[in-house]
Amino acid sequence: QVQLVASGGGSVQAGGSLDVSCAASGTILRVNTWAWYRQAPGQTRELVAQITRDQVTDDRDSVKGRFTISRDNVMNIAYLRMNSLKPEDTALYYCTADVQATATEGYRTYWGQGTQVTVSS
């Protein structure tokens, strides 16, 4: 069984910075892609950023140059550094991880609980 626990987030004024992290625990052989999604009230969930095991990243256009995703392959943790935050970044942020639990299993996507990010103008 694999669990993802997200932490960080909070409230900040526009222009400020916040960090969120997500730790995977349980039976884990390898984590392939980590990703962060967000969902604002009344909006559909959207992909914010993702990072492969080889550290290749991809960010949505609206956060390019402001958000940085990173990962620790030893500790199985993903991070999202958010700078120059805007009110439109306000949302519940979710992490996902594509996890291979054992050598005989394929990858399965797990979701963490959401962590709230609120940016005031």
C-alpha atoms as a PDB file:
ATOM      1  CA  GLN A   1       0.000   0.000   0.000  1.00  0.00           C
ATOM      2  CA  VAL A   2       1.290   3.440  -0.918  1.00  0.00           C
ATOM      3  CA  GLN A   3       0.303   6.715   0.687  1.00  0.00           C
ATOM      4  CA  LEU A   4       1.046  10.262  -0.416  1.00  0.00           C
ATOM      5  CA  VAL A   5       0.989  12.962   2.227  1.00  0.00           C
ATOM      6  CA  ALA A   6       1.067  16.576   1.116  1.00  0.00           C
ATOM      7  CA  SER A   7       2.165  19.389   3.377  1.00  0.00           C
ATOM      8  CA  GLY A   8       2.863  23.079   3.205  1.00  0.00           C
ATOM      9  CA  GLY A   9       0.678  25.607   1.460  1.00  0.00           C
ATOM     10  CA  GLY A  10      -1.174  28.256   3.424  1.00  0.00           C
ATOM     11  CA  SER A  11      -2.087  31.872   2.866  1.00  0.00           C
ATOM     12  CA  VAL A  12       0.048  34.617   1.383  1.00  0.00           C
ATOM     13  CA  GLN A  13      -0.346  37.999  -0.247  1.00  0.00           C
ATOM     14  CA  ALA A  14       0.094  38.447  -3.955  1.00  0.00           C
ATOM     15  CA  GLY A  15       3.732  38.429  -4.907  1.00  0.00           C
ATOM     16  CA  GLY A  16       4.671  36.139  -2.061  1.00  0.00           C
ATOM     17  CA  SER A  17       6.037  32.601  -2.076  1.00  0.00           C
ATOM     18  CA  LEU A  18       4.928  29.264  -0.725  1.00  0.00           C
ATOM     19  CA  ASP A  19       6.286  25.738  -0.753  1.00  0.00           C
ATOM     20  CA  VAL A  20       4.342  22.510  -0.851  1.00  0.00           C
ATOM     21  CA  SER A  21       5.792  19.033  -0.579  1.00  0.00           C
ATOM     22  CA  CYS A  22       4.493  15.512  -0.983  1.00  0.00           C
ATOM     23  CA  ALA A  23       6.003  12.422   0.585  1.00  0.00           C
ATOM     24  CA  ALA A  24       5.329   8.891  -0.589  1.00  0.00           C
ATOM     25  CA  SER A  25       5.492   6.009   1.862  1.00  0.00           C
ATOM     26  CA  GLY A  26       4.745   2.304   1.849  1.00  0.00           C
ATOM     27  CA  THR A  27       5.931  -0.422  -0.474  1.00  0.00           C
ATOM     28  CA  ILE A  28       7.807   1.490  -3.175  1.00  0.00           C
ATOM     29  CA  LEU A  29      10.332   0.148  -5.618  1.00  0.00           C
ATOM     30  CA  ARG A  30      10.395   3.180  -7.898  1.00  0.00           C
ATOM     31  CA  VAL A  31       8.528   6.410  -8.509  1.00  0.00           C
ATOM     32  CA  ASN A  32       8.334   7.445 -12.140  1.00  0.00           C
ATOM     33  CA  THR A  33       6.535  10.769 -12.696  1.00  0.00           C
ATOM     34  CA  TRP A  34       5.476  13.133  -9.928  1.00  0.00           C
ATOM     35  CA  ALA A  35       2.878  15.771 -10.705  1.00  0.00           C
ATOM     36  CA  TRP A  36       1.042  18.612  -9.019  1.00  0.00           C
ATOM     37  CA  TYR A  37      -2.556  19.429  -9.905  1.00  0.00           C
ATOM     38  CA  ARG A  38      -4.805  22.162  -8.591  1.00  0.00           C
ATOM     39  CA  GLN A  39      -8.500  22.769  -8.410  1.00  0.00           C
ATOM     40  CA  ALA A  40     -10.121  26.093  -7.657  1.00  0.00           C
ATOM     41  CA  PRO A  41     -13.758  26.305  -6.501  1.00  0.00           C
ATOM     42  CA  GLY A  42     -16.082  25.764  -9.439  1.00  0.00           C
ATOM     43  CA  GLN A  43     -13.213  24.936 -11.767  1.00  0.00           C
ATOM     44  CA  THR A  44     -11.940  21.703 -13.245  1.00  0.00           C
ATOM     45  CA  ARG A  45      -8.766  20.168 -11.903  1.00  0.00           C
ATOM     46  CA  GLU A  46      -5.712  21.168 -13.944  1.00  0.00           C
ATOM     47  CA  LEU A  47      -2.161  19.955 -14.228  1.00  0.00           C
ATOM     48  CA  VAL A  48       0.302  22.468 -12.816  1.00  0.00           C
ATOM     49  CA  ALA A  49       3.677  20.793 -13.228  1.00  0.00           C
ATOM     50  CA  GLN A  50       5.243  17.384 -13.569  1.00  0.00           C
ATOM     51  CA  ILE A  51       8.709  15.899 -13.313  1.00  0.00           C
ATOM     52  CA  THR A  52      10.048  12.602 -14.571  1.00  0.00           C
ATOM     53  CA  ARG A  53      12.494  10.377 -12.777  1.00  0.00           C
ATOM     54  CA  ASP A  54      15.211  11.828 -15.015  1.00  0.00           C
ATOM     55  CA  GLN A  55      14.328  15.320 -13.764  1.00  0.00           C
ATOM     56  CA  VAL A  56      12.621  16.411 -16.978  1.00  0.00           C
ATOM     57  CA  THR A  57       9.973  18.953 -16.065  1.00  0.00           C
ATOM     58  CA  ASP A  58       6.921  20.385 -17.748  1.00  0.00           C
ATOM     59  CA  ASP A  59       4.900  23.301 -16.394  1.00  0.00           C
ATOM     60  CA  ARG A  60       1.638  24.839 -17.520  1.00  0.00           C
ATOM     61  CA  ASP A  61       2.131  28.172 -19.261  1.00  0.00           C
ATOM     62  CA  SER A  62       0.498  30.240 -16.515  1.00  0.00           C
ATOM     63  CA  VAL A  63       3.102  29.183 -13.941  1.00  0.00           C
ATOM     64  CA  LYS A  64       6.226  29.079 -16.105  1.00  0.00           C
ATOM     65  CA  GLY A  65       9.008  31.103 -14.559  1.00  0.00           C
ATOM     66  CA  ARG A  66       7.181  31.293 -11.222  1.00  0.00           C
ATOM     67  CA  PHE A  67       6.762  27.685 -10.052  1.00  0.00           C
ATOM     68  CA  THR A  68       9.508  25.084  -9.770  1.00  0.00           C
ATOM     69  CA  ILE A  69       8.878  21.390  -9.326  1.00  0.00           C
ATOM     70  CA  SER A  70      11.626  19.176  -7.960  1.00  0.00           C
ATOM     71  CA  ARG A  71      12.028  15.739  -6.439  1.00  0.00           C
ATOM     72  CA  ASP A  72      14.164  13.614  -4.174  1.00  0.00           C
ATOM     73  CA  ASN A  73      14.476  10.114  -5.614  1.00  0.00           C
ATOM     74  CA  VAL A  74      15.990   8.707  -2.433  1.00  0.00           C
ATOM     75  CA  MET A  75      13.396  10.026  -0.003  1.00  0.00           C
ATOM     76  CA  ASN A  76      10.493   9.754  -2.505  1.00  0.00           C
ATOM     77  CA  ILE A  77       9.418  13.358  -2.004  1.00  0.00           C
ATOM     78  CA  ALA A  78       8.253  15.935  -4.523  1.00  0.00           C
ATOM     79  CA  TYR A  79       8.322  19.673  -4.013  1.00  0.00           C
ATOM     80  CA  LEU A  80       6.638  22.644  -5.598  1.00  0.00           C
ATOM     81  CA  ARG A  81       8.184  26.033  -5.016  1.00  0.00           C
ATOM     82  CA  MET A  82       5.731  28.809  -5.875  1.00  0.00           C
ATOM     83  CA  ASN A  83       7.039  32.360  -6.342  1.00  0.00           C
ATOM     84  CA  SER A  84       5.320  35.555  -7.425  1.00  0.00           C
ATOM     85  CA  LEU A  85       1.987  34.121  -6.444  1.00  0.00           C
ATOM     86  CA  LYS A  86      -1.184  35.613  -7.881  1.00  0.00           C
ATOM     87  CA  PRO A  87      -4.773  35.480  -6.612  1.00  0.00           C
ATOM     88  CA  GLU A  88      -5.621  33.205  -9.535  1.00  0.00           C
ATOM     89  CA  ASP A  89      -3.201  30.614  -8.103  1.00  0.00           C
ATOM     90  CA  THR A  90      -5.622  30.105  -5.211  1.00  0.00           C
ATOM     91  CA  ALA A  91      -6.702  26.469  -5.230  1.00  0.00           C
ATOM     92  CA  LEU A  92      -6.478  23.104  -3.559  1.00  0.00           C
ATOM     93  CA  TYR A  93      -3.195  21.578  -4.686  1.00  0.00           C
ATOM     94  CA  TYR A  94      -2.886  17.800  -5.142  1.00  0.00           C
ATOM     95  CA  CYS A  95       0.180  15.671  -5.736  1.00  0.00           C
ATOM     96  CA  THR A  96       0.318  12.450  -7.720  1.00  0.00           C
ATOM     97  CA  ALA A  97       2.998   9.827  -8.121  1.00  0.00           C
ATOM     98  CA  ASP A  98       3.319   6.961 -10.584  1.00  0.00           C
ATOM     99  CA  VAL A  99       4.598   4.199  -8.336  1.00  0.00           C
ATOM    100  CA  GLN A 100       5.930   0.734  -9.029  1.00  0.00           C
ATOM    101  CA  ALA A 101       5.535  -1.129  -5.769  1.00  0.00           C
ATOM    102  CA  THR A 102       7.400  -4.336  -6.616  1.00  0.00           C
ATOM    103  CA  ALA A 103       9.365  -5.717  -9.541  1.00  0.00           C
ATOM    104  CA  THR A 104       6.436  -7.860 -10.609  1.00  0.00           C
ATOM    105  CA  GLU A 105       3.935  -5.011 -10.733  1.00  0.00           C
ATOM    106  CA  GLY A 106       3.398  -2.173 -13.166  1.00  0.00           C
ATOM    107  CA  TYR A 107       3.060   1.500 -12.326  1.00  0.00           C
ATOM    108  CA  ARG A 108       0.000   2.800 -10.551  1.00  0.00           C
ATOM    109  CA  THR A 109      -0.943   6.433  -9.991  1.00  0.00           C
ATOM    110  CA  TYR A 110      -1.556   7.500  -6.414  1.00  0.00           C
ATOM    111  CA  TRP A 111      -3.044  10.784  -5.219  1.00  0.00           C
ATOM    112  CA  GLY A 112      -2.297  12.745  -2.098  1.00  0.00           C
ATOM    113  CA  GLN A 113      -4.820  14.735  -0.135  1.00  0.00           C
ATOM    114  CA  GLY A 114      -5.148  18.339  -1.205  1.00  0.00           C
ATOM    115  CA  THR A 115      -3.356  21.184   0.468  1.00  0.00           C
ATOM    116  CA  GLN A 116      -4.845  24.671   0.303  1.00  0.00           C
ATOM    117  CA  VAL A 117      -3.019  27.610  -1.225  1.00  0.00           C
ATOM    118  CA  THR A 118      -4.720  30.980  -0.823  1.00  0.00           C
ATOM    119  CA  VAL A 119      -3.338  34.156  -2.384  1.00  0.00           C
ATOM    120  CA  SER A 120      -4.911  37.463  -1.434  1.00  0.00           C
ATOM    121  CA  SER A 121      -4.670  40.626  -3.487  1.00  0.00           C
END
